[in-house]
């Protein structure tokens, strides 16, 4: 296996299209296509960016000698990063489940407030864990984690917005009710996509 095949392998293992990987690295899709089809080699700075993005060493990317395992120090960094993201993610999901369960029982803003405490705790744990990571791993880890959990956390934000405009949503006027629901859907989608957009930009900035 050569560097062209290793780049393709990493891309497929992370379920990325050539266009998505190109976007992460700040290059064109044609550049990624040429790398994988052996028409050209990535520049040194792009090799470093690829290794940082996929958490592999440049040695393995270039020679394949570390295909079985990373050096002990690098492996520990990867494990620490994954544990931090997993722990914070589990607490975040717990907060969402608590919010959902209490909302079914109480049907008031107190349910959202209690679940929100768990969500804040997950952000605190992720932030604390990131302080022990090397630059730029801490930034990419935080933004990658944020992209994954925003889909749940945005629902809590939407629920808060719904609680504020609920008198409008549940008004007898059908047109007003539909307008209120459309507003909530807009808040949810806007929050998710704007977060992902700026997270992607920040990730590309730190891996270049």
Protein backbone atom coordinates (compact mmCIF):
# COMPACT_ATOMS: atom_id res chain seq x y z
CA UNK A 1 0.00 0.00 0.00
CA UNK A 2 1.37 3.43 -0.95
CA UNK A 3 0.55 6.95 0.20
CA UNK A 4 -2.18 7.30 -2.45
CA UNK A 5 -3.98 4.21 -1.16
CA UNK A 6 -3.51 5.22 2.48
CA UNK A 7 -5.15 8.60 1.86
CA UNK A 8 -8.07 6.87 0.17
CA UNK A 9 -8.29 4.33 3.00
CA UNK A 10 -8.41 7.04 5.67
CA UNK A 11 -11.04 8.98 3.74
CA UNK A 12 -13.30 5.94 3.36
CA UNK A 13 -12.82 4.85 6.97
CA UNK A 14 -14.15 8.23 8.06
CA UNK A 15 -17.03 8.14 5.54
CA UNK A 16 -15.87 11.24 3.69
CA UNK A 17 -16.30 11.97 0.02
CA UNK A 18 -13.42 13.43 -1.95
CA UNK A 19 -15.20 16.77 -1.93
CA UNK A 20 -15.66 16.69 1.87
CA UNK A 21 -12.01 15.83 2.49
CA UNK A 22 -10.93 18.55 0.09
CA UNK A 23 -13.09 21.04 1.97
CA UNK A 24 -11.51 20.03 5.30
CA UNK A 25 -8.00 20.46 3.88
CA UNK A 26 -8.66 23.64 1.93
CA UNK A 27 -7.90 22.15 -1.49
CA UNK A 28 -9.97 21.31 -4.55
CA UNK A 29 -11.74 17.97 -5.07
CA UNK A 30 -9.59 17.46 -8.15
CA UNK A 31 -6.46 17.65 -5.97
CA UNK A 32 -7.73 14.84 -3.73
CA UNK A 33 -8.72 12.83 -6.80
CA UNK A 34 -5.20 13.20 -8.23
CA UNK A 35 -3.65 12.10 -4.92
CA UNK A 36 -5.74 8.95 -4.81
CA UNK A 37 -5.27 8.13 -8.50
CA UNK A 38 -1.45 8.52 -8.28
CA UNK A 39 -1.38 11.51 -10.62
CA UNK A 40 0.29 13.71 -8.01
CA UNK A 41 1.56 13.79 -4.42
CA UNK A 42 0.31 16.16 -1.73
CA UNK A 43 2.68 18.90 -0.61
CA UNK A 44 4.43 18.56 2.75
CA UNK A 45 2.04 20.98 4.44
CA UNK A 46 -0.93 18.96 3.18
CA UNK A 47 0.64 15.71 4.39
CA UNK A 48 0.92 17.29 7.84
CA UNK A 49 -2.68 18.53 7.61
CA UNK A 50 -3.91 15.04 6.61
CA UNK A 51 -2.02 13.39 9.48
CA UNK A 52 -3.43 15.90 11.99
CA UNK A 53 -6.98 15.58 10.71
CA UNK A 54 -6.99 11.76 10.83
CA UNK A 55 -4.78 11.52 13.96
CA UNK A 56 -2.08 9.44 12.26
CA UNK A 57 1.65 10.06 12.04
CA UNK A 58 3.34 11.48 8.97
CA UNK A 59 5.68 8.47 9.01
CA UNK A 60 2.77 6.07 8.63
CA UNK A 61 1.19 8.21 5.93
CA UNK A 62 4.43 8.30 3.94
CA UNK A 63 5.87 4.83 4.56
CA UNK A 64 3.15 2.72 6.16
CA UNK A 65 5.59 1.49 8.81
CA UNK A 66 3.25 2.42 11.64
CA UNK A 67 0.13 0.82 10.17
CA UNK A 68 -0.26 -1.53 13.16
CA UNK A 69 0.04 1.05 15.91
CA UNK A 70 1.12 4.60 16.59
CA UNK A 71 4.03 5.44 18.88
CA UNK A 72 3.09 5.10 22.55
CA UNK A 73 3.00 8.86 23.14
CA UNK A 74 0.80 9.47 20.09
CA UNK A 75 -1.46 6.56 20.98
CA UNK A 76 -1.98 7.93 24.49
CA UNK A 77 -2.90 11.32 23.06
CA UNK A 78 -5.44 9.74 20.72
CA UNK A 79 -6.94 7.63 23.53
CA UNK A 80 -7.14 10.66 25.84
CA UNK A 81 -8.84 12.69 23.11
CA UNK A 82 -11.35 9.92 22.40
CA UNK A 83 -12.12 9.39 26.11
CA UNK A 84 -12.72 13.08 26.67
CA UNK A 85 -15.05 13.33 23.68
CA UNK A 86 -16.88 10.14 24.68
CA UNK A 87 -17.33 11.16 28.34
CA UNK A 88 -18.56 14.63 27.45
CA UNK A 89 -20.81 13.17 24.76
CA UNK A 90 -22.39 10.65 27.16
CA UNK A 91 -23.15 13.38 29.71
CA UNK A 92 -24.58 15.55 26.96
CA UNK A 93 -26.86 12.74 25.76
CA UNK A 94 -27.88 12.07 29.36
CA UNK A 95 -28.88 15.72 29.67
CA UNK A 96 -31.03 15.47 26.57
CA UNK A 97 -32.71 12.27 27.83
CA UNK A 98 -33.35 13.83 31.26
CA UNK A 99 -34.87 16.88 29.59
CA UNK A 100 -37.12 14.71 27.42
CA UNK A 101 -38.23 12.50 30.33
CA UNK A 102 -38.97 15.40 32.69
CA UNK A 103 -40.77 17.34 29.97
CA UNK A 104 -43.18 14.44 29.44
CA UNK A 105 -43.84 14.41 33.19
CA UNK A 106 -43.92 18.12 34.07
CA UNK A 107 -44.56 19.97 30.80
CA UNK A 108 -42.82 23.15 32.02
CA UNK A 109 -39.54 25.04 31.74
CA UNK A 110 -38.15 23.47 34.93
CA UNK A 111 -37.65 20.22 33.01
CA UNK A 112 -35.55 22.02 30.43
CA UNK A 113 -33.54 23.82 33.12
CA UNK A 114 -32.58 20.56 34.87
CA UNK A 115 -31.53 18.90 31.65
CA UNK A 116 -29.62 22.03 30.69
CA UNK A 117 -27.41 21.56 33.76
CA UNK A 118 -26.20 18.23 32.35
CA UNK A 119 -25.54 19.84 28.99
CA UNK A 120 -23.48 22.61 30.59
CA UNK A 121 -21.56 19.96 32.54
CA UNK A 122 -20.68 18.18 29.29
CA UNK A 123 -19.29 21.42 27.84
CA UNK A 124 -17.27 21.97 31.02
CA UNK A 125 -15.78 18.45 30.88
CA UNK A 126 -14.95 18.80 27.19
CA UNK A 127 -13.31 22.16 27.84
CA UNK A 128 -11.28 20.86 30.78
CA UNK A 129 -10.18 17.79 28.82
CA UNK A 130 -9.17 19.94 25.88
CA UNK A 131 -6.80 21.97 28.05
CA UNK A 132 -4.60 18.86 28.41
CA UNK A 133 -4.38 18.31 24.64
CA UNK A 134 -1.63 19.68 22.44
CA UNK A 135 -2.29 22.49 20.01
CA UNK A 136 -4.00 22.24 17.52
CA UNK A 137 -5.61 18.97 18.70
CA UNK A 138 -7.58 20.77 21.40
CA UNK A 139 -9.28 23.05 18.91
CA UNK A 140 -10.09 20.35 16.36
CA UNK A 141 -11.36 18.01 19.11
CA UNK A 142 -13.74 20.64 20.52
CA UNK A 143 -15.12 21.60 17.13
CA UNK A 144 -15.49 17.99 15.98
CA UNK A 145 -17.34 17.19 19.21
CA UNK A 146 -19.54 20.27 18.87
CA UNK A 147 -20.55 19.24 15.34
CA UNK A 148 -21.81 15.90 16.68
CA UNK A 149 -23.78 17.07 19.73
CA UNK A 150 -25.33 20.23 18.27
CA UNK A 151 -28.16 18.18 16.73
CA UNK A 152 -29.39 17.26 20.23
CA UNK A 153 -28.53 20.49 22.03
CA UNK A 154 -30.30 22.58 19.40
CA UNK A 155 -33.50 20.74 20.31
CA UNK A 156 -33.20 22.12 23.85
CA UNK A 157 -32.72 25.63 22.44
CA UNK A 158 -35.74 25.08 20.23
CA UNK A 159 -37.75 23.90 23.24
CA UNK A 160 -36.85 27.10 25.08
CA UNK A 161 -37.99 29.13 22.08
CA UNK A 162 -41.15 27.03 21.96
CA UNK A 163 -41.85 27.73 25.60
CA UNK A 164 -41.60 31.45 24.95
CA UNK A 165 -43.93 31.48 21.95
CA UNK A 166 -46.20 28.60 23.05
CA UNK A 167 -49.18 30.92 23.54
CA UNK A 168 -48.87 31.72 19.85
CA UNK A 169 -48.23 28.16 18.68
CA UNK A 170 -51.25 26.77 20.46
CA UNK A 171 -53.52 29.61 19.39
CA UNK A 172 -56.79 28.59 17.79
CA UNK A 173 -55.82 30.40 14.59
CA UNK A 174 -54.32 27.71 12.33
CA UNK A 175 -52.27 30.18 10.29
CA UNK A 176 -50.63 31.58 13.42
CA UNK A 177 -49.95 28.07 14.76
CA UNK A 178 -48.28 27.00 11.52
CA UNK A 179 -46.19 30.18 11.55
CA UNK A 180 -45.03 29.41 15.09
CA UNK A 181 -44.06 25.84 14.17
CA UNK A 182 -42.22 27.08 11.09
CA UNK A 183 -40.31 29.50 13.30
CA UNK A 184 -39.21 26.69 15.63
CA UNK A 185 -38.05 24.55 12.71
CA UNK A 186 -36.10 27.53 11.40
CA UNK A 187 -34.46 28.11 14.81
CA UNK A 188 -33.42 24.45 15.00
CA UNK A 189 -32.03 24.21 11.46
CA UNK A 190 -30.31 27.60 11.62
CA UNK A 191 -28.60 26.76 14.92
CA UNK A 192 -27.37 23.38 13.66
CA UNK A 193 -26.10 24.49 10.28
CA UNK A 194 -24.49 27.73 11.42
CA UNK A 195 -22.65 25.82 14.17
CA UNK A 196 -21.44 23.17 11.73
CA UNK A 197 -20.41 25.80 9.18
CA UNK A 198 -18.23 27.77 11.58
CA UNK A 199 -16.87 24.58 13.18
CA UNK A 200 -15.74 23.33 9.77
CA UNK A 201 -14.05 26.66 9.08
CA UNK A 202 -12.26 26.54 12.42
CA UNK A 203 -11.13 22.94 11.87
CA UNK A 204 -9.71 23.77 8.44
CA UNK A 205 -7.90 26.77 9.93
CA UNK A 206 -6.17 24.66 12.57
CA UNK A 207 -5.18 21.72 10.39
CA UNK A 208 -3.58 23.80 7.65
